[in-house]
PDB file of N, CA and C in Angstrom:
ATOM      1  N   MET A   1     -21.067 -11.150 -24.806  1.00  0.00           N
ATOM      2  CA  MET A   1     -20.782 -10.001 -23.979  1.00  0.00           C
ATOM      3  C   MET A   1     -21.700  -8.864 -24.408  1.00  0.00           C
ATOM      4  N   SER A   2     -22.272  -8.151 -23.478  1.00  0.00           N
ATOM      5  CA  SER A   2     -23.199  -7.082 -23.835  1.00  0.00           C
ATOM      6  C   SER A   2     -22.430  -5.856 -24.333  1.00  0.00           C
ATOM      7  N   ALA A   3     -23.134  -5.003 -25.027  1.00  0.00           N
ATOM      8  CA  ALA A   3     -22.510  -3.797 -25.580  1.00  0.00           C
ATOM      9  C   ALA A   3     -22.054  -2.861 -24.462  1.00  0.00           C
ATOM     10  N   ASN A   4     -22.813  -2.831 -23.366  1.00  0.00           N
ATOM     11  CA  ASN A   4     -22.452  -1.969 -22.243  1.00  0.00           C
ATOM     12  C   ASN A   4     -21.134  -2.420 -21.619  1.00  0.00           C
ATOM     13  N   THR A   5     -20.963  -3.717 -21.461  1.00  0.00           N
ATOM     14  CA  THR A   5     -19.726  -4.231 -20.883  1.00  0.00           C
ATOM     15  C   THR A   5     -18.557  -3.986 -21.815  1.00  0.00           C
ATOM     16  N   GLU A   6     -18.768  -4.176 -23.121  1.00  0.00           N
ATOM     17  CA  GLU A   6     -17.696  -3.913 -24.076  1.00  0.00           C
ATOM     18  C   GLU A   6     -17.296  -2.450 -24.077  1.00  0.00           C
ATOM     19  N   ALA A   7     -18.276  -1.565 -23.959  1.00  0.00           N
ATOM     20  CA  ALA A   7     -17.979  -0.130 -23.954  1.00  0.00           C
ATOM     21  C   ALA A   7     -17.209   0.246 -22.694  1.00  0.00           C
ATOM     22  N   GLN A   8     -17.561  -0.371 -21.561  1.00  0.00           N
ATOM     23  CA  GLN A   8     -16.869  -0.047 -20.321  1.00  0.00           C
ATOM     24  C   GLN A   8     -15.453  -0.596 -20.310  1.00  0.00           C
ATOM     25  N   SER A   9     -15.250  -1.797 -20.856  1.00  0.00           N
ATOM     26  CA  SER A   9     -13.932  -2.411 -20.783  1.00  0.00           C
ATOM     27  C   SER A   9     -12.941  -1.761 -21.737  1.00  0.00           C
ATOM     28  N   SER A  10     -13.411  -1.045 -22.761  1.00  0.00           N
ATOM     29  CA  SER A  10     -12.498  -0.420 -23.705  1.00  0.00           C
ATOM     30  C   SER A  10     -12.316   1.072 -23.422  1.00  0.00           C
ATOM     31  N   ASN A  11     -12.559   1.505 -22.221  1.00  0.00           N
ATOM     32  CA  ASN A  11     -12.412   2.903 -21.850  1.00  0.00           C
ATOM     33  C   ASN A  11     -10.927   3.285 -21.897  1.00  0.00           C
ATOM     34  N   PRO A  12     -10.557   4.263 -22.711  1.00  0.00           N
ATOM     35  CA  PRO A  12      -9.140   4.637 -22.810  1.00  0.00           C
ATOM     36  C   PRO A  12      -8.594   5.232 -21.513  1.00  0.00           C
ATOM     37  N   LEU A  13      -9.436   5.815 -20.701  1.00  0.00           N
ATOM     38  CA  LEU A  13      -8.957   6.349 -19.422  1.00  0.00           C
ATOM     39  C   LEU A  13      -8.534   5.231 -18.481  1.00  0.00           C
ATOM     40  N   ASP A  14      -9.172   4.058 -18.618  1.00  0.00           N
ATOM     41  CA  ASP A  14      -8.773   2.925 -17.786  1.00  0.00           C
ATOM     42  C   ASP A  14      -7.330   2.522 -18.070  1.00  0.00           C
ATOM     43  N   ILE A  15      -6.949   2.567 -19.331  1.00  0.00           N
ATOM     44  CA  ILE A  15      -5.570   2.217 -19.694  1.00  0.00           C
ATOM     45  C   ILE A  15      -4.607   3.206 -19.051  1.00  0.00           C
ATOM     46  N   LEU A  16      -4.957   4.486 -19.095  1.00  0.00           N
ATOM     47  CA  LEU A  16      -4.125   5.504 -18.464  1.00  0.00           C
ATOM     48  C   LEU A  16      -4.038   5.285 -16.953  1.00  0.00           C
ATOM     49  N   LYS A  17      -5.163   4.928 -16.343  1.00  0.00           N
ATOM     50  CA  LYS A  17      -5.171   4.682 -14.893  1.00  0.00           C
ATOM     51  C   LYS A  17      -4.284   3.496 -14.535  1.00  0.00           C
ATOM     52  N   TRP A  18      -4.334   2.413 -15.351  1.00  0.00           N
ATOM     53  CA  TRP A  18      -3.485   1.250 -15.070  1.00  0.00           C
ATOM     54  C   TRP A  18      -2.006   1.595 -15.280  1.00  0.00           C
ATOM     55  N   ILE A  19      -1.724   2.465 -16.237  1.00  0.00           N
ATOM     56  CA  ILE A  19      -0.339   2.914 -16.430  1.00  0.00           C
ATOM     57  C   ILE A  19       0.130   3.692 -15.202  1.00  0.00           C
ATOM     58  N   VAL A  20      -0.752   4.514 -14.639  1.00  0.00           N
ATOM     59  CA  VAL A  20      -0.415   5.259 -13.416  1.00  0.00           C
ATOM     60  C   VAL A  20      -0.161   4.289 -12.265  1.00  0.00           C
ATOM     61  N   VAL A  21      -0.992   3.259 -12.146  1.00  0.00           N
ATOM     62  CA  VAL A  21      -0.814   2.275 -11.068  1.00  0.00           C
ATOM     63  C   VAL A  21       0.530   1.569 -11.215  1.00  0.00           C
ATOM     64  N   VAL A  22       0.839   1.116 -12.421  1.00  0.00           N
ATOM     65  CA  VAL A  22       2.118   0.436 -12.656  1.00  0.00           C
ATOM     66  C   VAL A  22       3.273   1.396 -12.400  1.00  0.00           C
ATOM     67  N   GLY A  23       3.122   2.647 -12.801  1.00  0.00           N
ATOM     68  CA  GLY A  23       4.160   3.642 -12.545  1.00  0.00           C
ATOM     69  C   GLY A  23       4.373   3.889 -11.068  1.00  0.00           C
ATOM     70  N   LEU A  24       3.281   3.950 -10.311  1.00  0.00           N
ATOM     71  CA  LEU A  24       3.410   4.149  -8.865  1.00  0.00           C
ATOM     72  C   LEU A  24       4.127   2.978  -8.200  1.00  0.00           C
ATOM     73  N   VAL A  25       3.730   1.762  -8.561  1.00  0.00           N
ATOM     74  CA  VAL A  25       4.357   0.584  -7.950  1.00  0.00           C
ATOM     75  C   VAL A  25       5.815   0.469  -8.396  1.00  0.00           C
ATOM     76  N   GLY A  26       6.084   0.733  -9.674  1.00  0.00           N
ATOM     77  CA  GLY A  26       7.463   0.713 -10.141  1.00  0.00           C
ATOM     78  C   GLY A  26       8.293   1.803  -9.485  1.00  0.00           C
ATOM     79  N   GLY A  27       7.706   2.982  -9.353  1.00  0.00           N
ATOM     80  CA  GLY A  27       8.397   4.072  -8.658  1.00  0.00           C
ATOM     81  C   GLY A  27       8.667   3.748  -7.202  1.00  0.00           C
ATOM     82  N   LEU A  28       7.755   3.011  -6.608  1.00  0.00           N
ATOM     83  CA  LEU A  28       7.958   2.578  -5.227  1.00  0.00           C
ATOM     84  C   LEU A  28       9.177   1.668  -5.131  1.00  0.00           C
ATOM     85  N   ALA A  29       9.292   0.725  -6.050  1.00  0.00           N
ATOM     86  CA  ALA A  29      10.438  -0.190  -6.021  1.00  0.00           C
ATOM     87  C   ALA A  29      11.745   0.559  -6.246  1.00  0.00           C
ATOM     88  N   VAL A  30      11.753   1.468  -7.222  1.00  0.00           N
ATOM     89  CA  VAL A  30      12.964   2.238  -7.502  1.00  0.00           C
ATOM     90  C   VAL A  30      13.290   3.166  -6.333  1.00  0.00           C
ATOM     91  N   GLY A  31      12.266   3.827  -5.801  1.00  0.00           N
ATOM     92  CA  GLY A  31      12.487   4.740  -4.679  1.00  0.00           C
ATOM     93  C   GLY A  31      12.970   4.022  -3.431  1.00  0.00           C
ATOM     94  N   ASN A  32      12.461   2.826  -3.199  1.00  0.00           N
ATOM     95  CA  ASN A  32      12.900   2.062  -2.037  1.00  0.00           C
ATOM     96  C   ASN A  32      14.379   1.696  -2.169  1.00  0.00           C
ATOM     97  N   ALA A  33      14.808   1.364  -3.367  1.00  0.00           N
ATOM     98  CA  ALA A  33      16.225   1.050  -3.583  1.00  0.00           C
ATOM     99  C   ALA A  33      17.078   2.325  -3.499  1.00  0.00           C
ATOM    100  N   TYR A  34      16.574   3.410  -4.051  1.00  0.00           N
ATOM    101  CA  TYR A  34      17.329   4.667  -4.059  1.00  0.00           C
ATOM    102  C   TYR A  34      17.512   5.218  -2.645  1.00  0.00           C
ATOM    103  N   PHE A  35      16.463   5.114  -1.837  1.00  0.00           N
ATOM    104  CA  PHE A  35      16.517   5.647  -0.473  1.00  0.00           C
ATOM    105  C   PHE A  35      16.831   4.548   0.538  1.00  0.00           C
ATOM    106  N   SER A  36      17.644   3.594   0.169  1.00  0.00           N
ATOM    107  CA  SER A  36      17.950   2.481   1.069  1.00  0.00           C
ATOM    108  C   SER A  36      18.692   2.928   2.324  1.00  0.00           C
ATOM    109  N   GLY A  37      19.320   4.086   2.283  1.00  0.00           N
ATOM    110  CA  GLY A  37      20.025   4.589   3.456  1.00  0.00           C
ATOM    111  C   GLY A  37      19.106   5.233   4.481  1.00  0.00           C
ATOM    112  N   GLU A  38      17.887   5.515   4.093  1.00  0.00           N
ATOM    113  CA  GLU A  38      16.929   6.144   5.005  1.00  0.00           C
ATOM    114  C   GLU A  38      16.375   5.115   5.989  1.00  0.00           C
ATOM    115  N   SER A  39      15.701   5.611   6.989  1.00  0.00           N
ATOM    116  CA  SER A  39      15.114   4.746   8.003  1.00  0.00           C
ATOM    117  C   SER A  39      14.064   3.821   7.376  1.00  0.00           C
ATOM    118  N   VAL A  40      14.016   2.596   7.866  1.00  0.00           N
ATOM    119  CA  VAL A  40      13.042   1.626   7.364  1.00  0.00           C
ATOM    120  C   VAL A  40      11.625   2.109   7.667  1.00  0.00           C
ATOM    121  N   LEU A  41      11.436   2.789   8.776  1.00  0.00           N
ATOM    122  CA  LEU A  41      10.116   3.295   9.143  1.00  0.00           C
ATOM    123  C   LEU A  41       9.599   4.272   8.093  1.00  0.00           C
ATOM    124  N   TYR A  42      10.455   5.205   7.682  1.00  0.00           N
ATOM    125  CA  TYR A  42      10.038   6.193   6.684  1.00  0.00           C
ATOM    126  C   TYR A  42       9.746   5.535   5.338  1.00  0.00           C
ATOM    127  N   ARG A  43      10.601   4.578   4.963  1.00  0.00           N
ATOM    128  CA  ARG A  43      10.368   3.882   3.697  1.00  0.00           C
ATOM    129  C   ARG A  43       9.088   3.054   3.752  1.00  0.00           C
ATOM    130  N   ALA A  44       8.811   2.437   4.898  1.00  0.00           N
ATOM    131  CA  ALA A  44       7.587   1.641   5.026  1.00  0.00           C
ATOM    132  C   ALA A  44       6.353   2.534   4.981  1.00  0.00           C
ATOM    133  N   LEU A  45       6.407   3.688   5.640  1.00  0.00           N
ATOM    134  CA  LEU A  45       5.274   4.616   5.610  1.00  0.00           C
ATOM    135  C   LEU A  45       5.040   5.141   4.192  1.00  0.00           C
ATOM    136  N   ALA A  46       6.122   5.445   3.490  1.00  0.00           N
ATOM    137  CA  ALA A  46       5.981   5.902   2.108  1.00  0.00           C
ATOM    138  C   ALA A  46       5.415   4.783   1.237  1.00  0.00           C
ATOM    139  N   ALA A  47       5.859   3.552   1.469  1.00  0.00           N
ATOM    140  CA  ALA A  47       5.359   2.426   0.682  1.00  0.00           C
ATOM    141  C   ALA A  47       3.870   2.223   0.911  1.00  0.00           C
ATOM    142  N   VAL A  48       3.449   2.308   2.159  1.00  0.00           N
ATOM    143  CA  VAL A  48       2.022   2.157   2.456  1.00  0.00           C
ATOM    144  C   VAL A  48       1.219   3.261   1.787  1.00  0.00           C
ATOM    145  N   ALA A  49       1.700   4.483   1.871  1.00  0.00           N
ATOM    146  CA  ALA A  49       0.985   5.611   1.263  1.00  0.00           C
ATOM    147  C   ALA A  49       0.889   5.440  -0.256  1.00  0.00           C
ATOM    148  N   ILE A  50       1.977   5.035  -0.887  1.00  0.00           N
ATOM    149  CA  ILE A  50       1.965   4.871  -2.344  1.00  0.00           C
ATOM    150  C   ILE A  50       1.065   3.704  -2.739  1.00  0.00           C
ATOM    151  N   LEU A  51       1.100   2.605  -1.985  1.00  0.00           N
ATOM    152  CA  LEU A  51       0.241   1.463  -2.306  1.00  0.00           C
ATOM    153  C   LEU A  51      -1.240   1.802  -2.114  1.00  0.00           C
ATOM    154  N   VAL A  52      -1.551   2.596  -1.102  1.00  0.00           N
ATOM    155  CA  VAL A  52      -2.939   3.030  -0.914  1.00  0.00           C
ATOM    156  C   VAL A  52      -3.367   3.903  -2.089  1.00  0.00           C
ATOM    157  N   LEU A  53      -2.504   4.812  -2.505  1.00  0.00           N
ATOM    158  CA  LEU A  53      -2.810   5.672  -3.657  1.00  0.00           C
ATOM    159  C   LEU A  53      -2.987   4.831  -4.929  1.00  0.00           C
ATOM    160  N   ALA A  54      -2.100   3.849  -5.144  1.00  0.00           N
ATOM    161  CA  ALA A  54      -2.203   2.987  -6.324  1.00  0.00           C
ATOM    162  C   ALA A  54      -3.490   2.163  -6.266  1.00  0.00           C
ATOM    163  N   GLY A  55      -3.843   1.681  -5.085  1.00  0.00           N
ATOM    164  CA  GLY A  55      -5.097   0.936  -4.936  1.00  0.00           C
ATOM    165  C   GLY A  55      -6.308   1.805  -5.206  1.00  0.00           C
ATOM    166  N   PHE A  56      -6.262   3.044  -4.742  1.00  0.00           N
ATOM    167  CA  PHE A  56      -7.373   3.968  -4.991  1.00  0.00           C
ATOM    168  C   PHE A  56      -7.534   4.224  -6.485  1.00  0.00           C
ATOM    169  N   VAL A  57      -6.418   4.429  -7.176  1.00  0.00           N
ATOM    170  CA  VAL A  57      -6.486   4.666  -8.618  1.00  0.00           C
ATOM    171  C   VAL A  57      -7.000   3.407  -9.326  1.00  0.00           C
ATOM    172  N   ALA A  58      -6.526   2.243  -8.910  1.00  0.00           N
ATOM    173  CA  ALA A  58      -6.963   0.988  -9.536  1.00  0.00           C
ATOM    174  C   ALA A  58      -8.453   0.753  -9.326  1.00  0.00           C
ATOM    175  N   LEU A  59      -8.974   1.141  -8.169  1.00  0.00           N
ATOM    176  CA  LEU A  59     -10.402   0.952  -7.902  1.00  0.00           C
ATOM    177  C   LEU A  59     -11.285   1.880  -8.734  1.00  0.00           C
ATOM    178  N   GLN A  60     -10.711   2.867  -9.382  1.00  0.00           N
ATOM    179  CA  GLN A  60     -11.483   3.765 -10.227  1.00  0.00           C
ATOM    180  C   GLN A  60     -11.696   3.201 -11.626  1.00  0.00           C
ATOM    181  N   THR A  61     -11.057   2.072 -11.928  1.00  0.00           N
ATOM    182  CA  THR A  61     -11.217   1.456 -13.247  1.00  0.00           C
ATOM    183  C   THR A  61     -12.396   0.485 -13.223  1.00  0.00           C
ATOM    184  N   VAL A  62     -12.802   0.031 -14.395  1.00  0.00           N
ATOM    185  CA  VAL A  62     -13.915  -0.921 -14.501  1.00  0.00           C
ATOM    186  C   VAL A  62     -13.552  -2.225 -13.811  1.00  0.00           C
ATOM    187  N   LYS A  63     -12.359  -2.736 -14.090  1.00  0.00           N
ATOM    188  CA  LYS A  63     -11.928  -3.983 -13.466  1.00  0.00           C
ATOM    189  C   LYS A  63     -11.743  -3.807 -11.964  1.00  0.00           C
ATOM    190  N   GLY A  64     -11.293  -2.655 -11.540  1.00  0.00           N
ATOM    191  CA  GLY A  64     -11.133  -2.394 -10.107  1.00  0.00           C
ATOM    192  C   GLY A  64     -12.471  -2.378  -9.388  1.00  0.00           C
ATOM    193  N   ARG A  65     -13.474  -1.762 -10.007  1.00  0.00           N
ATOM    194  CA  ARG A  65     -14.816  -1.760  -9.400  1.00  0.00           C
ATOM    195  C   ARG A  65     -15.404  -3.166  -9.375  1.00  0.00           C
ATOM    196  N   ALA A  66     -15.146  -3.941 -10.433  1.00  0.00           N
ATOM    197  CA  ALA A  66     -15.629  -5.322 -10.465  1.00  0.00           C
ATOM    198  C   ALA A  66     -14.965  -6.137  -9.356  1.00  0.00           C
ATOM    199  N   PHE A  67     -13.678  -5.903  -9.120  1.00  0.00           N
ATOM    200  CA  PHE A  67     -12.973  -6.599  -8.050  1.00  0.00           C
ATOM    201  C   PHE A  67     -13.542  -6.203  -6.688  1.00  0.00           C
ATOM    202  N   ALA A  68     -13.819  -4.919  -6.489  1.00  0.00           N
ATOM    203  CA  ALA A  68     -14.401  -4.458  -5.225  1.00  0.00           C
ATOM    204  C   ALA A  68     -15.782  -5.078  -5.010  1.00  0.00           C
ATOM    205  N   ASP A  69     -16.570  -5.184  -6.082  1.00  0.00           N
ATOM    206  CA  ASP A  69     -17.879  -5.837  -5.975  1.00  0.00           C
ATOM    207  C   ASP A  69     -17.724  -7.306  -5.609  1.00  0.00           C
ATOM    208  N   LEU A  70     -16.751  -7.972  -6.201  1.00  0.00           N
ATOM    209  CA  LEU A  70     -16.502  -9.375  -5.885  1.00  0.00           C
ATOM    210  C   LEU A  70     -16.146  -9.547  -4.411  1.00  0.00           C
ATOM    211  N   ILE A  71     -15.312  -8.680  -3.885  1.00  0.00           N
ATOM    212  CA  ILE A  71     -14.927  -8.751  -2.468  1.00  0.00           C
ATOM    213  C   ILE A  71     -16.141  -8.519  -1.582  1.00  0.00           C
ATOM    214  N   ARG A  72     -16.975  -7.532  -1.924  1.00  0.00           N
ATOM    215  CA  ARG A  72     -18.189  -7.273  -1.140  1.00  0.00           C
ATOM    216  C   ARG A  72     -19.117  -8.484  -1.135  1.00  0.00           C
ATOM    217  N   GLU A  73     -19.298  -9.104  -2.308  1.00  0.00           N
ATOM    218  CA  GLU A  73     -20.167 -10.272  -2.398  1.00  0.00           C
ATOM    219  C   GLU A  73     -19.589 -11.451  -1.616  1.00  0.00           C
ATOM    220  N   ALA A  74     -18.269 -11.615  -1.657  1.00  0.00           N
ATOM    221  CA  ALA A  74     -17.634 -12.706  -0.920  1.00  0.00           C
ATOM    222  C   ALA A  74     -17.805 -12.521   0.580  1.00  0.00           C
ATOM    223  N   ARG A  75     -17.678 -11.284   1.052  1.00  0.00           N
ATOM    224  CA  ARG A  75     -17.889 -11.030   2.481  1.00  0.00           C
ATOM    225  C   ARG A  75     -19.335 -11.316   2.869  1.00  0.00           C
ATOM    226  N   GLY A  76     -20.275 -10.967   2.002  1.00  0.00           N
ATOM    227  CA  GLY A  76     -21.680 -11.275   2.272  1.00  0.00           C
ATOM    228  C   GLY A  76     -21.927 -12.768   2.341  1.00  0.00           C
ATOM    229  N   GLU A  77     -21.284 -13.524   1.447  1.00  0.00           N
ATOM    230  CA  GLU A  77     -21.426 -14.984   1.473  1.00  0.00           C
ATOM    231  C   GLU A  77     -20.830 -15.562   2.742  1.00  0.00           C
ATOM    232  N   LEU A  78     -19.704 -15.017   3.186  1.00  0.00           N
ATOM    233  CA  LEU A  78     -19.088 -15.514   4.425  1.00  0.00           C
ATOM    234  C   LEU A  78     -19.994 -15.280   5.627  1.00  0.00           C
ATOM    235  N   ARG A  79     -20.750 -14.204   5.615  1.00  0.00           N
ATOM    236  CA  ARG A  79     -21.667 -13.941   6.730  1.00  0.00           C
ATOM    237  C   ARG A  79     -22.819 -14.935   6.747  1.00  0.00           C
ATOM    238  N   ARG A  80     -23.189 -15.463   5.561  1.00  0.00           N
ATOM    239  CA  ARG A  80     -24.311 -16.393   5.480  1.00  0.00           C
ATOM    240  C   ARG A  80     -23.922 -17.843   5.756  1.00  0.00           C
ATOM    241  N   VAL A  81     -22.623 -18.118   5.830  1.00  0.00           N
ATOM    242  CA  VAL A  81     -22.171 -19.489   6.072  1.00  0.00           C
ATOM    243  C   VAL A  81     -22.542 -19.899   7.489  1.00  0.00           C
ATOM    244  N   VAL A  82     -23.041 -21.124   7.632  1.00  0.00           N
ATOM    245  CA  VAL A  82     -23.330 -21.666   8.963  1.00  0.00           C
ATOM    246  C   VAL A  82     -22.093 -22.433   9.391  1.00  0.00           C
ATOM    247  N   TRP A  83     -21.330 -21.847  10.301  1.00  0.00           N
ATOM    248  CA  TRP A  83     -20.091 -22.453  10.748  1.00  0.00           C
ATOM    249  C   TRP A  83     -20.399 -23.523  11.784  1.00  0.00           C
ATOM    250  N   PRO A  84     -19.628 -24.620  11.779  1.00  0.00           N
ATOM    251  CA  PRO A  84     -19.888 -25.678  12.762  1.00  0.00           C
ATOM    252  C   PRO A  84     -19.499 -25.234  14.171  1.00  0.00           C
ATOM    253  N   THR A  85     -20.193 -25.819  15.142  1.00  0.00           N
ATOM    254  CA  THR A  85     -19.840 -25.533  16.533  1.00  0.00           C
ATOM    255  C   THR A  85     -18.548 -26.278  16.863  1.00  0.00           C
ATOM    256  N   ARG A  86     -17.977 -25.974  18.006  1.00  0.00           N
ATOM    257  CA  ARG A  86     -16.724 -26.633  18.391  1.00  0.00           C
ATOM    258  C   ARG A  86     -16.901 -28.148  18.531  1.00  0.00           C
ATOM    259  N   PRO A  87     -17.980 -28.627  19.183  1.00  0.00           N
ATOM    260  CA  PRO A  87     -18.142 -30.086  19.252  1.00  0.00           C
ATOM    261  C   PRO A  87     -18.309 -30.738  17.874  1.00  0.00           C
ATOM    262  N   GLU A  88     -19.019 -30.070  16.966  1.00  0.00           N
ATOM    263  CA  GLU A  88     -19.181 -30.618  15.615  1.00  0.00           C
ATOM    264  C   GLU A  88     -17.836 -30.682  14.890  1.00  0.00           C
ATOM    265  N   ALA A  89     -17.035 -29.638  15.032  1.00  0.00           N
ATOM    266  CA  ALA A  89     -15.722 -29.620  14.389  1.00  0.00           C
ATOM    267  C   ALA A  89     -14.817 -30.697  14.976  1.00  0.00           C
ATOM    268  N   THR A  90     -14.861 -30.862  16.299  1.00  0.00           N
ATOM    269  CA  THR A  90     -14.054 -31.889  16.954  1.00  0.00           C
ATOM    270  C   THR A  90     -14.483 -33.282  16.498  1.00  0.00           C
ATOM    271  N   GLN A  91     -15.794 -33.521  16.454  1.00  0.00           N
ATOM    272  CA  GLN A  91     -16.307 -34.827  16.047  1.00  0.00           C
ATOM    273  C   GLN A  91     -15.916 -35.128  14.591  1.00  0.00           C
ATOM    274  N   THR A  92     -16.062 -34.171  13.734  1.00  0.00           N
ATOM    275  CA  THR A  92     -15.696 -34.369  12.329  1.00  0.00           C
ATOM    276  C   THR A  92     -14.202 -34.633  12.191  1.00  0.00           C
ATOM    277  N   THR A  93     -13.388 -33.922  12.952  1.00  0.00           N
ATOM    278  CA  THR A  93     -11.940 -34.133  12.917  1.00  0.00           C
ATOM    279  C   THR A  93     -11.594 -35.540  13.367  1.00  0.00           C
ATOM    280  N   MET A  94     -12.236 -36.005  14.440  1.00  0.00           N
ATOM    281  CA  MET A  94     -11.967 -37.358  14.935  1.00  0.00           C
ATOM    282  C   MET A  94     -12.389 -38.411  13.907  1.00  0.00           C
ATOM    283  N   ILE A  95     -13.478 -38.187  13.211  1.00  0.00           N
ATOM    284  CA  ILE A  95     -13.919 -39.119  12.174  1.00  0.00           C
ATOM    285  C   ILE A  95     -12.884 -39.170  11.050  1.00  0.00           C
ATOM    286  N   VAL A  96     -12.395 -38.024  10.634  1.00  0.00           N
ATOM    287  CA  VAL A  96     -11.394 -37.974   9.569  1.00  0.00           C
ATOM    288  C   VAL A  96     -10.120 -38.692  10.007  1.00  0.00           C
ATOM    289  N   ILE A  97      -9.667 -38.460  11.228  1.00  0.00           N
ATOM    290  CA  ILE A  97      -8.460 -39.129  11.728  1.00  0.00           C
ATOM    291  C   ILE A  97      -8.676 -40.636  11.790  1.00  0.00           C
ATOM    292  N   GLY A  98      -9.846 -41.069  12.277  1.00  0.00           N
ATOM    293  CA  GLY A  98     -10.142 -42.494  12.360  1.00  0.00           C
ATOM    294  C   GLY A  98     -10.163 -43.160  10.991  1.00  0.00           C
ATOM    295  N   VAL A  99     -10.845 -42.556  10.042  1.00  0.00           N
ATOM    296  CA  VAL A  99     -10.908 -43.128   8.693  1.00  0.00           C
ATOM    297  C   VAL A  99      -9.518 -43.155   8.071  1.00  0.00           C
ATOM    298  N   THR A 100      -8.730 -42.123   8.310  1.00  0.00           N
ATOM    299  CA  THR A 100      -7.366 -42.091   7.776  1.00  0.00           C
ATOM    300  C   THR A 100      -6.528 -43.224   8.360  1.00  0.00           C
ATOM    301  N   LEU A 101      -6.638 -43.468   9.663  1.00  0.00           N
ATOM    302  CA  LEU A 101      -5.881 -44.552  10.290  1.00  0.00           C
ATOM    303  C   LEU A 101      -6.324 -45.909   9.754  1.00  0.00           C
ATOM    304  N   VAL A 102      -7.618 -46.117   9.617  1.00  0.00           N
ATOM    305  CA  VAL A 102      -8.119 -47.397   9.100  1.00  0.00           C
ATOM    306  C   VAL A 102      -7.621 -47.614   7.670  1.00  0.00           C
ATOM    307  N   MET A 103      -7.705 -46.595   6.854  1.00  0.00           N
ATOM    308  CA  MET A 103      -7.247 -46.729   5.474  1.00  0.00           C
ATOM    309  C   MET A 103      -5.736 -46.952   5.409  1.00  0.00           C
ATOM    310  N   ALA A 104      -4.978 -46.295   6.289  1.00  0.00           N
ATOM    311  CA  ALA A 104      -3.528 -46.496   6.319  1.00  0.00           C
ATOM    312  C   ALA A 104      -3.202 -47.936   6.700  1.00  0.00           C
ATOM    313  N   LEU A 105      -3.918 -48.479   7.689  1.00  0.00           N
ATOM    314  CA  LEU A 105      -3.689 -49.873   8.087  1.00  0.00           C
ATOM    315  C   LEU A 105      -4.074 -50.834   6.959  1.00  0.00           C
ATOM    316  N   LEU A 106      -5.177 -50.582   6.285  1.00  0.00           N
ATOM    317  CA  LEU A 106      -5.576 -51.429   5.168  1.00  0.00           C
ATOM    318  C   LEU A 106      -4.540 -51.385   4.044  1.00  0.00           C
ATOM    319  N   MET A 107      -4.064 -50.201   3.725  1.00  0.00           N
ATOM    320  CA  MET A 107      -3.064 -50.073   2.669  1.00  0.00           C
ATOM    321  C   MET A 107      -1.754 -50.752   3.079  1.00  0.00           C
ATOM    322  N   TRP A 108      -1.366 -50.619   4.343  1.00  0.00           N
ATOM    323  CA  TRP A 108      -0.155 -51.282   4.830  1.00  0.00           C
ATOM    324  C   TRP A 108      -0.307 -52.795   4.738  1.00  0.00           C
ATOM    325  N   GLY A 109      -1.466 -53.296   5.135  1.00  0.00           N
ATOM    326  CA  GLY A 109      -1.715 -54.739   5.058  1.00  0.00           C
ATOM    327  C   GLY A 109      -1.705 -55.223   3.620  1.00  0.00           C
ATOM    328  N   LEU A 110      -2.351 -54.492   2.726  1.00  0.00           N
ATOM    329  CA  LEU A 110      -2.379 -54.871   1.322  1.00  0.00           C
ATOM    330  C   LEU A 110      -0.976 -54.827   0.723  1.00  0.00           C
ATOM    331  N   ASP A 111      -0.209 -53.799   1.066  1.00  0.00           N
ATOM    332  CA  ASP A 111       1.156 -53.681   0.577  1.00  0.00           C
ATOM    333  C   ASP A 111       2.012 -54.840   1.087  1.00  0.00           C
ATOM    334  N   SER A 112       1.849 -55.183   2.357  1.00  0.00           N
ATOM    335  CA  SER A 112       2.607 -56.304   2.924  1.00  0.00           C
ATOM    336  C   SER A 112       2.223 -57.612   2.243  1.00  0.00           C
ATOM    337  N   LEU A 113       0.935 -57.818   2.010  1.00  0.00           N
ATOM    338  CA  LEU A 113       0.466 -59.043   1.359  1.00  0.00           C
ATOM    339  C   LEU A 113       1.002 -59.146  -0.067  1.00  0.00           C
ATOM    340  N   ILE A 114       0.934 -58.059  -0.821  1.00  0.00           N
ATOM    341  CA  ILE A 114       1.447 -58.068  -2.192  1.00  0.00           C
ATOM    342  C   ILE A 114       2.964 -58.255  -2.178  1.00  0.00           C
ATOM    343  N   GLY A 115       3.656 -57.593  -1.265  1.00  0.00           N
ATOM    344  CA  GLY A 115       5.108 -57.745  -1.154  1.00  0.00           C
ATOM    345  C   GLY A 115       5.494 -59.175  -0.821  1.00  0.00           C
ATOM    346  N   TRP A 116       4.766 -59.807   0.098  1.00  0.00           N
ATOM    347  CA  TRP A 116       5.030 -61.198   0.460  1.00  0.00           C
ATOM    348  C   TRP A 116       4.788 -62.112  -0.737  1.00  0.00           C
ATOM    349  N   GLY A 117       3.690 -61.857  -1.466  1.00  0.00           N
ATOM    350  CA  GLY A 117       3.374 -62.673  -2.634  1.00  0.00           C
ATOM    351  C   GLY A 117       4.430 -62.541  -3.721  1.00  0.00           C
ATOM    352  N   VAL A 118       4.863 -61.333  -3.995  1.00  0.00           N
ATOM    353  CA  VAL A 118       5.871 -61.113  -5.032  1.00  0.00           C
ATOM    354  C   VAL A 118       7.201 -61.735  -4.619  1.00  0.00           C
ATOM    355  N   SER A 119       7.607 -61.570  -3.344  1.00  0.00           N
ATOM    356  CA  SER A 119       8.877 -62.125  -2.909  1.00  0.00           C
ATOM    357  C   SER A 119       8.855 -63.650  -2.904  1.00  0.00           C
ATOM    358  N   SER A 120       7.691 -64.263  -2.658  1.00  0.00           N
ATOM    359  CA  SER A 120       7.613 -65.723  -2.717  1.00  0.00           C
ATOM    360  C   SER A 120       7.668 -66.219  -4.156  1.00  0.00           C
ATOM    361  N   VAL A 121       7.139 -65.466  -5.107  1.00  0.00           N
ATOM    362  CA  VAL A 121       7.210 -65.856  -6.501  1.00  0.00           C
ATOM    363  C   VAL A 121       8.616 -65.659  -7.057  1.00  0.00           C
ATOM    364  N   ILE A 122       9.224 -64.524  -6.710  1.00  0.00           N
ATOM    365  CA  ILE A 122      10.571 -64.210  -7.209  1.00  0.00           C
ATOM    366  C   ILE A 122      11.610 -65.098  -6.521  1.00  0.00           C
ATOM    367  N   GLY A 123      11.403 -65.351  -5.270  1.00  0.00           N
ATOM    368  CA  GLY A 123      12.300 -66.260  -4.542  1.00  0.00           C
ATOM    369  C   GLY A 123      13.186 -65.499  -3.663  1.00  0.00           C
TER     370      GLY A 123
END
């Protein structure tokens, strides 16, 4: 591990930020139970607001930025994927179904043959 990465991962402010995130999410759970008599709409809006705030705080940490970078890279990879056309997907699906049926019939035949052999030996 490089010295730069070690220095970033041991940032004491990151620990404080994660404590704030856990506190926000825990407070959300307690507040949702405490305000159970309130409208579900208001509780849902408050939950969304608190989760957005907790996510924003989490993204300010080293691990949060690394996670955001990972998501960005994954989206870039998804854009570069060559997706099959509908006929290609249909053809591949039919091949898989056909091979599955053939293998199922072979296994059934083998099972029947072994069962017949064992029952003839056992009597």
